[in-house]
Amino acid sequence: MKRLRDAVLAGVLGAVGAGLLTSLWQSEVHAQADCVPNNVGGCLGWGIPVLLIGPYAAVAVIWATLRALAVDRPLLSALFGALATASGTLLYEAGHPRWVPPPVWLAVLLGAVGFAVGTAIGGGRTRLLQVVLAGVLAVPLAAFPLLRQETRSDVREDGFARLGLPLLVPQVEGYQVVFARAELRDPMLAVTVMKGDRRISISVLPLPADFAPPQRCGPTVAEVSVRDIVTAPTRTNGPCQWVESEHWVRVENDQRVHLLRRDGAFVQVSRGDDVPDVDVEAAAATLTSVSPRRLAELSVR
């Protein structure tokens, strides 16, 4: 009977702590979404530090309360409760590509069940059983990175499949895909491949209605930049020049940008600093269509 009482007490404490922390997390997410910073760090408030130390403080308070109420092995009970609650929370987060606060009711449930189970385990007398159960509770922690990566891959695959543009990846020796993003509202595919510090960027967009090289050669790199920042004006040195069938080049900011028409889409191939012209030319010449699944795998590895 005492063990049941201890589990109920711990469950109530866990539910309160989890509910309060999750409410604060949700409030901070809304505040960050609505904030327009005037300077660097302008949106940082007290909520973030509290969220960082909050779980540890909550476990400490629960431990102290269990100890004051004469619960058996309060430290082990609090630690097992925290482990069980964290495992359940990570299973929820693994189903999302980014960190998102769970619903408050779910957090309350996870906290209640987690600390009730933790107290039942921590108050037990069989050390071997405690070790085995601790290993079982820790499985979600170990599996979380793989589950999160699979979720991100699935989300990106769905985005790539819905994009309606050719998914093009260059095949240049030594270069690997480090970034790929599908923008669905204003359709665009952005792919970046790198070899050490050398970077080549590929942008795929719907073919402009007025695309008529060599006089009208489509938007510049700055105009289709995937970064949500203000870009400097691009200096274009006249119209583009023909290279071969469906392939042109244009000089922008003193660098050659390759422009292609592939499968009814407009493609830009540009480079970062210190990238040899031969690498950029090879990238433009070896653009290969891949499946949504393959591009998703490449972009999250």
C-alpha atoms as a PDB file:
ATOM      1  CA  MET A   1       0.000   0.000   0.000  1.00  0.00           C
ATOM      2  CA  LYS A   2       2.856   2.366   0.818  1.00  0.00           C
ATOM      3  CA  ARG A   3       4.449   1.741  -2.562  1.00  0.00           C
ATOM      4  CA  LEU A   4       1.197   2.670  -4.315  1.00  0.00           C
ATOM      5  CA  ARG A   5       0.971   5.860  -2.240  1.00  0.00           C
ATOM      6  CA  ASP A   6       4.560   6.731  -3.124  1.00  0.00           C
ATOM      7  CA  ALA A   7       3.905   6.181  -6.840  1.00  0.00           C
ATOM      8  CA  VAL A   8       0.792   8.372  -6.759  1.00  0.00           C
ATOM      9  CA  LEU A   9       2.639  11.174  -4.958  1.00  0.00           C
ATOM     10  CA  ALA A  10       5.505  11.044  -7.428  1.00  0.00           C
ATOM     11  CA  GLY A  11       3.073  10.950 -10.343  1.00  0.00           C
ATOM     12  CA  VAL A  12       1.298  14.089  -9.123  1.00  0.00           C
ATOM     13  CA  LEU A  13       4.601  15.914  -8.683  1.00  0.00           C
ATOM     14  CA  GLY A  14       5.795  14.791 -12.123  1.00  0.00           C
ATOM     15  CA  ALA A  15       2.540  15.874 -13.756  1.00  0.00           C
ATOM     16  CA  VAL A  16       2.720  19.351 -12.200  1.00  0.00           C
ATOM     17  CA  GLY A  17       6.367  19.841 -13.140  1.00  0.00           C
ATOM     18  CA  ALA A  18       5.931  18.618 -16.699  1.00  0.00           C
ATOM     19  CA  GLY A  19       2.798  20.702 -17.200  1.00  0.00           C
ATOM     20  CA  LEU A  20       4.453  23.904 -15.963  1.00  0.00           C
ATOM     21  CA  LEU A  21       7.581  23.415 -18.060  1.00  0.00           C
ATOM     22  CA  THR A  22       5.579  22.613 -21.186  1.00  0.00           C
ATOM     23  CA  SER A  23       3.338  25.651 -20.721  1.00  0.00           C
ATOM     24  CA  LEU A  24       6.433  27.816 -20.433  1.00  0.00           C
ATOM     25  CA  TRP A  25       7.927  26.162 -23.522  1.00  0.00           C
ATOM     26  CA  GLN A  26       4.787  26.852 -25.559  1.00  0.00           C
ATOM     27  CA  SER A  27       4.708  30.474 -24.381  1.00  0.00           C
ATOM     28  CA  GLU A  28       8.349  30.943 -25.356  1.00  0.00           C
ATOM     29  CA  VAL A  29       7.753  29.448 -28.818  1.00  0.00           C
ATOM     30  CA  HIS A  30       4.872  31.878 -29.425  1.00  0.00           C
ATOM     31  CA  ALA A  31       6.935  34.806 -28.124  1.00  0.00           C
ATOM     32  CA  GLN A  32       9.855  33.951 -30.409  1.00  0.00           C
ATOM     33  CA  ALA A  33       7.516  33.609 -33.405  1.00  0.00           C
ATOM     34  CA  ASP A  34       5.968  37.050 -32.785  1.00  0.00           C
ATOM     35  CA  CYS A  35       9.204  38.834 -31.902  1.00  0.00           C
ATOM     36  CA  VAL A  36      10.844  41.241 -34.362  1.00  0.00           C
ATOM     37  CA  PRO A  37      14.378  41.853 -33.016  1.00  0.00           C
ATOM     38  CA  ASN A  38      15.950  45.280 -33.173  1.00  0.00           C
ATOM     39  CA  ASN A  39      19.408  43.855 -32.591  1.00  0.00           C
ATOM     40  CA  VAL A  40      21.255  40.583 -32.185  1.00  0.00           C
ATOM     41  CA  GLY A  41      19.758  38.720 -29.235  1.00  0.00           C
ATOM     42  CA  GLY A  42      16.830  41.106 -29.033  1.00  0.00           C
ATOM     43  CA  CYS A  43      14.345  38.248 -28.761  1.00  0.00           C
ATOM     44  CA  LEU A  44      16.175  36.426 -25.986  1.00  0.00           C
ATOM     45  CA  GLY A  45      14.183  36.592 -22.764  1.00  0.00           C
ATOM     46  CA  TRP A  46      14.209  34.926 -19.383  1.00  0.00           C
ATOM     47  CA  GLY A  47      12.198  31.980 -20.662  1.00  0.00           C
ATOM     48  CA  ILE A  48      15.095  30.306 -22.470  1.00  0.00           C
ATOM     49  CA  PRO A  49      17.445  30.096 -19.439  1.00  0.00           C
ATOM     50  CA  VAL A  50      14.565  28.835 -17.310  1.00  0.00           C
ATOM     51  CA  LEU A  51      13.784  26.124 -19.866  1.00  0.00           C
ATOM     52  CA  LEU A  52      17.433  25.059 -19.916  1.00  0.00           C
ATOM     53  CA  ILE A  53      17.706  24.607 -16.148  1.00  0.00           C
ATOM     54  CA  GLY A  54      14.028  23.903 -15.484  1.00  0.00           C
ATOM     55  CA  PRO A  55      14.105  20.104 -15.909  1.00  0.00           C
ATOM     56  CA  TYR A  56      17.037  19.775 -13.515  1.00  0.00           C
ATOM     57  CA  ALA A  57      15.375  22.058 -10.992  1.00  0.00           C
ATOM     58  CA  ALA A  58      12.125  20.104 -11.288  1.00  0.00           C
ATOM     59  CA  VAL A  59      13.875  16.796 -10.617  1.00  0.00           C
ATOM     60  CA  ALA A  60      15.647  18.330  -7.614  1.00  0.00           C
ATOM     61  CA  VAL A  61      12.361  19.643  -6.198  1.00  0.00           C
ATOM     62  CA  ILE A  62      10.666  16.282  -6.727  1.00  0.00           C
ATOM     63  CA  TRP A  63      13.556  14.486  -5.028  1.00  0.00           C
ATOM     64  CA  ALA A  64      13.423  16.849  -2.043  1.00  0.00           C
ATOM     65  CA  THR A  65       9.649  16.451  -1.763  1.00  0.00           C
ATOM     66  CA  LEU A  66       9.819  12.650  -1.963  1.00  0.00           C
ATOM     67  CA  ARG A  67      12.512  12.660   0.677  1.00  0.00           C
ATOM     68  CA  ALA A  68      10.462  14.891   2.950  1.00  0.00           C
ATOM     69  CA  LEU A  69       7.476  12.541   2.538  1.00  0.00           C
ATOM     70  CA  ALA A  70       9.615   9.538   3.500  1.00  0.00           C
ATOM     71  CA  VAL A  71       9.331   7.840   0.134  1.00  0.00           C
ATOM     72  CA  ASP A  72      11.673   4.855  -0.213  1.00  0.00           C
ATOM     73  CA  ARG A  73      14.913   5.692  -2.041  1.00  0.00           C
ATOM     74  CA  PRO A  74      13.811   9.171  -3.148  1.00  0.00           C
ATOM     75  CA  LEU A  75      16.924   9.878  -5.219  1.00  0.00           C
ATOM     76  CA  LEU A  76      16.637   6.688  -7.290  1.00  0.00           C
ATOM     77  CA  SER A  77      12.903   7.261  -7.642  1.00  0.00           C
ATOM     78  CA  ALA A  78      13.409  10.807  -8.934  1.00  0.00           C
ATOM     79  CA  LEU A  79      16.153   9.755 -11.338  1.00  0.00           C
ATOM     80  CA  PHE A  80      14.156   6.819 -12.705  1.00  0.00           C
ATOM     81  CA  GLY A  81      11.132   9.106 -13.045  1.00  0.00           C
ATOM     82  CA  ALA A  82      13.146  11.655 -14.979  1.00  0.00           C
ATOM     83  CA  LEU A  83      14.517   8.902 -17.233  1.00  0.00           C
ATOM     84  CA  ALA A  84      11.058   7.483 -17.943  1.00  0.00           C
ATOM     85  CA  THR A  85       9.572  10.932 -18.630  1.00  0.00           C
ATOM     86  CA  ALA A  86      12.467  11.925 -20.872  1.00  0.00           C
ATOM     87  CA  SER A  87      12.157   8.680 -22.838  1.00  0.00           C
ATOM     88  CA  GLY A  88       8.469   9.240 -23.470  1.00  0.00           C
ATOM     89  CA  THR A  89       9.071  12.856 -24.469  1.00  0.00           C
ATOM     90  CA  LEU A  90      11.834  11.877 -26.900  1.00  0.00           C
ATOM     91  CA  LEU A  91       9.547   9.322 -28.543  1.00  0.00           C
ATOM     92  CA  TYR A  92       7.096  12.161 -29.181  1.00  0.00           C
ATOM     93  CA  GLU A  93       9.835  14.482 -30.475  1.00  0.00           C
ATOM     94  CA  ALA A  94      11.228  11.769 -32.751  1.00  0.00           C
ATOM     95  CA  GLY A  95       8.055  12.043 -34.808  1.00  0.00           C
ATOM     96  CA  HIS A  96       8.802  15.703 -35.627  1.00  0.00           C
ATOM     97  CA  PRO A  97      11.642  17.081 -37.740  1.00  0.00           C
ATOM     98  CA  ARG A  98      12.257  19.906 -35.231  1.00  0.00           C
ATOM     99  CA  TRP A  99      11.860  20.401 -31.504  1.00  0.00           C
ATOM    100  CA  VAL A 100       8.237  21.276 -30.748  1.00  0.00           C
ATOM    101  CA  PRO A 101       6.502  21.425 -27.365  1.00  0.00           C
ATOM    102  CA  PRO A 102       4.006  18.594 -26.848  1.00  0.00           C
ATOM    103  CA  PRO A 103       0.431  19.381 -25.861  1.00  0.00           C
ATOM    104  CA  VAL A 104       0.163  20.189 -22.179  1.00  0.00           C
ATOM    105  CA  TRP A 105      -2.169  17.251 -21.552  1.00  0.00           C
ATOM    106  CA  LEU A 106       0.378  14.876 -23.064  1.00  0.00           C
ATOM    107  CA  ALA A 107       3.200  16.370 -21.022  1.00  0.00           C
ATOM    108  CA  VAL A 108       1.123  16.000 -17.849  1.00  0.00           C
ATOM    109  CA  LEU A 109       0.394  12.386 -18.727  1.00  0.00           C
ATOM    110  CA  LEU A 110       4.051  11.624 -19.488  1.00  0.00           C
ATOM    111  CA  GLY A 111       5.178  13.277 -16.261  1.00  0.00           C
ATOM    112  CA  ALA A 112       2.599  11.461 -14.163  1.00  0.00           C
ATOM    113  CA  VAL A 113       3.239   8.032 -15.654  1.00  0.00           C
ATOM    114  CA  GLY A 114       6.992   8.541 -15.836  1.00  0.00           C
ATOM    115  CA  PHE A 115       7.499   9.486 -12.200  1.00  0.00           C
ATOM    116  CA  ALA A 116       4.968   6.941 -10.965  1.00  0.00           C
ATOM    117  CA  VAL A 117       6.836   4.213 -12.842  1.00  0.00           C
ATOM    118  CA  GLY A 118      10.174   5.629 -11.748  1.00  0.00           C
ATOM    119  CA  THR A 119       9.160   5.522  -8.100  1.00  0.00           C
ATOM    120  CA  ALA A 120       7.916   1.960  -8.446  1.00  0.00           C
ATOM    121  CA  ILE A 121      11.256   0.937  -9.955  1.00  0.00           C
ATOM    122  CA  GLY A 122      13.437   3.027  -7.648  1.00  0.00           C
ATOM    123  CA  GLY A 123      11.692   1.797  -4.543  1.00  0.00           C
ATOM    124  CA  GLY A 124      12.154  -1.839  -5.492  1.00  0.00           C
ATOM    125  CA  ARG A 125      14.478  -4.158  -3.629  1.00  0.00           C
ATOM    126  CA  THR A 126      15.936  -6.129  -6.544  1.00  0.00           C
ATOM    127  CA  ARG A 127      19.000  -4.340  -7.890  1.00  0.00           C
ATOM    128  CA  LEU A 128      19.254  -6.545 -10.982  1.00  0.00           C
ATOM    129  CA  LEU A 129      15.654  -5.767 -11.940  1.00  0.00           C
ATOM    130  CA  GLN A 130      16.356  -2.063 -11.514  1.00  0.00           C
ATOM    131  CA  VAL A 131      19.342  -2.274 -13.853  1.00  0.00           C
ATOM    132  CA  VAL A 132      17.336  -4.167 -16.473  1.00  0.00           C
ATOM    133  CA  LEU A 133      14.408  -1.735 -16.316  1.00  0.00           C
ATOM    134  CA  ALA A 134      16.767   1.236 -16.486  1.00  0.00           C
ATOM    135  CA  GLY A 135      18.201  -0.235 -19.687  1.00  0.00           C
ATOM    136  CA  VAL A 136      14.699  -0.626 -21.117  1.00  0.00           C
ATOM    137  CA  LEU A 137      13.816   2.984 -20.262  1.00  0.00           C
ATOM    138  CA  ALA A 138      17.050   4.198 -21.870  1.00  0.00           C
ATOM    139  CA  VAL A 139      16.306   2.555 -25.230  1.00  0.00           C
ATOM    140  CA  PRO A 140      14.365   5.586 -26.593  1.00  0.00           C
ATOM    141  CA  LEU A 141      17.296   7.843 -25.685  1.00  0.00           C
ATOM    142  CA  ALA A 142      19.650   5.698 -27.737  1.00  0.00           C
ATOM    143  CA  ALA A 143      17.188   5.328 -30.622  1.00  0.00           C
ATOM    144  CA  PHE A 144      16.199   9.001 -30.763  1.00  0.00           C
ATOM    145  CA  PRO A 145      18.919  10.194 -33.225  1.00  0.00           C
ATOM    146  CA  LEU A 146      18.038   7.466 -35.721  1.00  0.00           C
ATOM    147  CA  LEU A 147      14.288   8.027 -35.360  1.00  0.00           C
ATOM    148  CA  ARG A 148      14.684  11.800 -35.739  1.00  0.00           C
ATOM    149  CA  GLN A 149      16.840  11.372 -38.852  1.00  0.00           C
ATOM    150  CA  GLU A 150      14.260   9.034 -40.385  1.00  0.00           C
ATOM    151  CA  THR A 151      11.495  11.541 -39.656  1.00  0.00           C
ATOM    152  CA  ARG A 152      13.451  14.380 -41.235  1.00  0.00           C
ATOM    153  CA  SER A 153      14.166  12.230 -44.252  1.00  0.00           C
ATOM    154  CA  ASP A 154      10.465  11.396 -44.653  1.00  0.00           C
ATOM    155  CA  VAL A 155       9.444  15.060 -44.348  1.00  0.00           C
ATOM    156  CA  ARG A 156      12.042  16.174 -46.882  1.00  0.00           C
ATOM    157  CA  GLU A 157      11.142  13.365 -49.250  1.00  0.00           C
ATOM    158  CA  ASP A 158       7.517  14.484 -49.182  1.00  0.00           C
ATOM    159  CA  GLY A 159       8.567  18.077 -49.877  1.00  0.00           C
ATOM    160  CA  PHE A 160      10.799  17.068 -52.787  1.00  0.00           C
ATOM    161  CA  ALA A 161       8.050  14.868 -54.249  1.00  0.00           C
ATOM    162  CA  ARG A 162       5.500  17.711 -54.108  1.00  0.00           C
ATOM    163  CA  LEU A 163       7.858  20.305 -55.582  1.00  0.00           C
ATOM    164  CA  GLY A 164       7.136  19.526 -59.218  1.00  0.00           C
ATOM    165  CA  LEU A 165      10.678  20.364 -60.375  1.00  0.00           C
ATOM    166  CA  PRO A 166      13.513  18.107 -61.521  1.00  0.00           C
ATOM    167  CA  LEU A 167      15.687  17.056 -58.586  1.00  0.00           C
ATOM    168  CA  LEU A 168      19.189  17.651 -59.925  1.00  0.00           C
ATOM    169  CA  VAL A 169      22.454  16.780 -58.183  1.00  0.00           C
ATOM    170  CA  PRO A 170      25.911  17.258 -59.742  1.00  0.00           C
ATOM    171  CA  GLN A 171      28.300  14.324 -59.919  1.00  0.00           C
ATOM    172  CA  VAL A 172      31.691  15.948 -59.318  1.00  0.00           C
ATOM    173  CA  GLU A 173      34.477  13.885 -57.800  1.00  0.00           C
ATOM    174  CA  GLY A 174      35.064  14.695 -54.145  1.00  0.00           C
ATOM    175  CA  TYR A 175      31.959  16.862 -53.714  1.00  0.00           C
ATOM    176  CA  GLN A 176      29.104  15.773 -51.453  1.00  0.00           C
ATOM    177  CA  VAL A 177      25.612  17.105 -50.871  1.00  0.00           C
ATOM    178  CA  VAL A 178      25.572  19.071 -47.607  1.00  0.00           C
ATOM    179  CA  PHE A 179      22.283  20.902 -48.038  1.00  0.00           C
ATOM    180  CA  ALA A 180      19.067  20.508 -49.994  1.00  0.00           C
ATOM    181  CA  ARG A 181      15.811  22.368 -49.520  1.00  0.00           C
ATOM    182  CA  ALA A 182      12.486  22.501 -51.311  1.00  0.00           C
ATOM    183  CA  GLU A 183      10.560  25.776 -51.161  1.00  0.00           C
ATOM    184  CA  LEU A 184       6.927  24.940 -51.931  1.00  0.00           C
ATOM    185  CA  ARG A 185       5.238  28.350 -51.664  1.00  0.00           C
ATOM    186  CA  ASP A 186       7.491  29.881 -54.294  1.00  0.00           C
ATOM    187  CA  PRO A 187       8.701  26.668 -55.966  1.00  0.00           C
ATOM    188  CA  MET A 188      12.462  26.291 -55.849  1.00  0.00           C
ATOM    189  CA  LEU A 189      15.018  23.601 -55.148  1.00  0.00           C
ATOM    190  CA  ALA A 190      18.317  24.638 -53.577  1.00  0.00           C
ATOM    191  CA  VAL A 191      21.206  22.163 -53.394  1.00  0.00           C
ATOM    192  CA  THR A 192      24.704  22.775 -52.078  1.00  0.00           C
ATOM    193  CA  VAL A 193      27.644  20.424 -52.593  1.00  0.00           C
ATOM    194  CA  MET A 194      31.001  20.856 -50.910  1.00  0.00           C
ATOM    195  CA  LYS A 195      34.537  19.547 -51.038  1.00  0.00           C
ATOM    196  CA  GLY A 196      36.393  20.834 -48.010  1.00  0.00           C
ATOM    197  CA  ASP A 197      35.827  24.589 -48.048  1.00  0.00           C
ATOM    198  CA  ARG A 198      34.831  24.653 -51.714  1.00  0.00           C
ATOM    199  CA  ARG A 199      31.123  25.193 -52.316  1.00  0.00           C
ATOM    200  CA  ILE A 200      28.970  24.847 -55.423  1.00  0.00           C
ATOM    201  CA  SER A 201      25.305  25.862 -55.329  1.00  0.00           C
ATOM    202  CA  ILE A 202      22.524  24.661 -57.608  1.00  0.00           C
ATOM    203  CA  SER A 203      19.133  26.369 -57.814  1.00  0.00           C
ATOM    204  CA  VAL A 204      16.231  24.894 -59.784  1.00  0.00           C
ATOM    205  CA  LEU A 205      13.166  27.040 -60.514  1.00  0.00           C
ATOM    206  CA  PRO A 206      10.218  27.072 -62.895  1.00  0.00           C
ATOM    207  CA  LEU A 207      11.319  28.355 -66.273  1.00  0.00           C
ATOM    208  CA  PRO A 208      10.578  32.119 -66.489  1.00  0.00           C
ATOM    209  CA  ALA A 209       7.910  32.969 -69.034  1.00  0.00           C
ATOM    210  CA  ASP A 210      10.203  35.497 -70.732  1.00  0.00           C
ATOM    211  CA  PHE A 211      13.254  33.226 -70.805  1.00  0.00           C
ATOM    212  CA  ALA A 212      14.834  33.919 -74.207  1.00  0.00           C
ATOM    213  CA  PRO A 213      18.635  33.700 -74.193  1.00  0.00           C
ATOM    214  CA  PRO A 214      20.987  35.215 -74.990  1.00  0.00           C
ATOM    215  CA  GLN A 215      19.119  38.481 -74.268  1.00  0.00           C
ATOM    216  CA  ARG A 216      16.766  37.423 -71.435  1.00  0.00           C
ATOM    217  CA  CYS A 217      18.540  34.796 -69.364  1.00  0.00           C
ATOM    218  CA  GLY A 218      16.455  34.572 -66.233  1.00  0.00           C
ATOM    219  CA  PRO A 219      16.967  35.901 -62.694  1.00  0.00           C
ATOM    220  CA  THR A 220      20.381  36.425 -61.129  1.00  0.00           C
ATOM    221  CA  VAL A 221      21.848  34.449 -58.256  1.00  0.00           C
ATOM    222  CA  ALA A 222      21.014  37.242 -55.805  1.00  0.00           C
ATOM    223  CA  GLU A 223      17.382  37.252 -56.916  1.00  0.00           C
ATOM    224  CA  VAL A 224      16.929  33.556 -56.181  1.00  0.00           C
ATOM    225  CA  SER A 225      19.096  33.363 -53.081  1.00  0.00           C
ATOM    226  CA  VAL A 226      17.756  30.804 -50.627  1.00  0.00           C
ATOM    227  CA  ARG A 227      18.840  32.922 -47.669  1.00  0.00           C
ATOM    228  CA  ASP A 228      16.251  35.206 -46.112  1.00  0.00           C
ATOM    229  CA  ILE A 229      18.634  38.144 -45.937  1.00  0.00           C
ATOM    230  CA  VAL A 230      19.128  41.321 -47.917  1.00  0.00           C
ATOM    231  CA  THR A 231      21.598  40.600 -50.693  1.00  0.00           C
ATOM    232  CA  ALA A 232      23.865  43.104 -52.378  1.00  0.00           C
ATOM    233  CA  PRO A 233      22.940  44.187 -55.911  1.00  0.00           C
ATOM    234  CA  THR A 234      24.374  41.890 -58.541  1.00  0.00           C
ATOM    235  CA  ARG A 235      26.454  43.363 -61.344  1.00  0.00           C
ATOM    236  CA  THR A 236      25.653  41.594 -64.585  1.00  0.00           C
ATOM    237  CA  ASN A 237      27.959  42.146 -67.512  1.00  0.00           C
ATOM    238  CA  GLY A 238      25.477  42.032 -70.345  1.00  0.00           C
ATOM    239  CA  PRO A 239      23.472  39.073 -71.679  1.00  0.00           C
ATOM    240  CA  CYS A 240      24.427  35.428 -71.277  1.00  0.00           C
ATOM    241  CA  GLN A 241      26.613  33.534 -73.719  1.00  0.00           C
ATOM    242  CA  TRP A 242      25.806  30.210 -75.359  1.00  0.00           C
ATOM    243  CA  VAL A 243      27.961  27.224 -74.365  1.00  0.00           C
ATOM    244  CA  GLU A 244      26.102  24.266 -75.836  1.00  0.00           C
ATOM    245  CA  SER A 245      22.554  23.056 -76.264  1.00  0.00           C
ATOM    246  CA  GLU A 246      20.385  24.389 -73.419  1.00  0.00           C
ATOM    247  CA  HIS A 247      23.473  25.706 -71.599  1.00  0.00           C
ATOM    248  CA  TRP A 248      24.636  29.324 -71.191  1.00  0.00           C
ATOM    249  CA  VAL A 249      26.944  31.318 -68.904  1.00  0.00           C
ATOM    250  CA  ARG A 250      26.631  34.804 -67.458  1.00  0.00           C
ATOM    251  CA  VAL A 251      29.081  36.890 -65.419  1.00  0.00           C
ATOM    252  CA  GLU A 252      27.698  38.058 -62.081  1.00  0.00           C
ATOM    253  CA  ASN A 253      29.892  39.864 -59.553  1.00  0.00           C
ATOM    254  CA  ASP A 254      32.941  38.909 -61.607  1.00  0.00           C
ATOM    255  CA  GLN A 255      32.084  35.193 -61.476  1.00  0.00           C
ATOM    256  CA  ARG A 256      30.764  32.910 -64.181  1.00  0.00           C
ATOM    257  CA  VAL A 257      27.317  31.511 -63.447  1.00  0.00           C
ATOM    258  CA  HIS A 258      26.083  28.576 -65.508  1.00  0.00           C
ATOM    259  CA  LEU A 259      22.468  28.692 -66.677  1.00  0.00           C
ATOM    260  CA  LEU A 260      20.658  25.644 -68.011  1.00  0.00           C
ATOM    261  CA  ARG A 261      17.235  24.604 -69.212  1.00  0.00           C
ATOM    262  CA  ARG A 262      16.464  21.100 -67.957  1.00  0.00           C
ATOM    263  CA  ASP A 263      13.141  19.284 -68.188  1.00  0.00           C
ATOM    264  CA  GLY A 264      11.226  22.550 -68.476  1.00  0.00           C
ATOM    265  CA  ALA A 265      13.010  24.131 -65.500  1.00  0.00           C
ATOM    266  CA  PHE A 266      15.551  26.924 -65.090  1.00  0.00           C
ATOM    267  CA  VAL A 267      18.805  25.874 -63.403  1.00  0.00           C
ATOM    268  CA  GLN A 268      21.604  28.012 -61.978  1.00  0.00           C
ATOM    269  CA  VAL A 269      25.015  26.645 -61.034  1.00  0.00           C
ATOM    270  CA  SER A 270      27.175  29.073 -59.065  1.00  0.00           C
ATOM    271  CA  ARG A 271      30.258  28.794 -56.915  1.00  0.00           C
ATOM    272  CA  GLY A 272      31.757  30.040 -53.699  1.00  0.00           C
ATOM    273  CA  ASP A 273      35.222  31.423 -53.263  1.00  0.00           C
ATOM    274  CA  ASP A 274      38.289  29.438 -54.346  1.00  0.00           C
ATOM    275  CA  VAL A 275      36.345  26.966 -56.478  1.00  0.00           C
ATOM    276  CA  PRO A 276      38.125  26.194 -59.767  1.00  0.00           C
ATOM    277  CA  ASP A 277      36.209  26.933 -62.961  1.00  0.00           C
ATOM    278  CA  VAL A 278      36.703  23.325 -64.020  1.00  0.00           C
ATOM    279  CA  ASP A 279      34.731  22.098 -60.992  1.00  0.00           C
ATOM    280  CA  VAL A 280      31.811  24.410 -61.720  1.00  0.00           C
ATOM    281  CA  GLU A 281      31.827  23.388 -65.370  1.00  0.00           C
ATOM    282  CA  ALA A 282      31.845  19.737 -64.330  1.00  0.00           C
ATOM    283  CA  ALA A 283      28.918  20.343 -61.989  1.00  0.00           C
ATOM    284  CA  ALA A 284      26.885  21.979 -64.746  1.00  0.00           C
ATOM    285  CA  ALA A 285      27.727  19.158 -67.152  1.00  0.00           C
ATOM    286  CA  THR A 286      26.929  16.293 -64.770  1.00  0.00           C
ATOM    287  CA  LEU A 287      23.602  17.351 -63.285  1.00  0.00           C
ATOM    288  CA  THR A 288      21.742  14.106 -62.648  1.00  0.00           C
ATOM    289  CA  SER A 289      18.094  13.567 -61.738  1.00  0.00           C
ATOM    290  CA  VAL A 290      17.571  11.663 -58.498  1.00  0.00           C
ATOM    291  CA  SER A 291      14.483  10.387 -56.726  1.00  0.00           C
ATOM    292  CA  PRO A 292      12.911  12.294 -53.825  1.00  0.00           C
ATOM    293  CA  ARG A 293      13.971   9.528 -51.467  1.00  0.00           C
ATOM    294  CA  ARG A 294      17.582   9.613 -52.628  1.00  0.00           C
ATOM    295  CA  LEU A 295      17.828  13.390 -52.328  1.00  0.00           C
ATOM    296  CA  ALA A 296      16.304  13.236 -48.842  1.00  0.00           C
ATOM    297  CA  GLU A 297      18.889  10.644 -47.811  1.00  0.00           C
ATOM    298  CA  LEU A 298      21.727  12.746 -49.212  1.00  0.00           C
ATOM    299  CA  SER A 299      20.544  15.913 -47.496  1.00  0.00           C
ATOM    300  CA  VAL A 300      20.298  14.507 -43.945  1.00  0.00           C
ATOM    301  CA  ARG A 301      23.321  12.255 -43.736  1.00  0.00           C
END
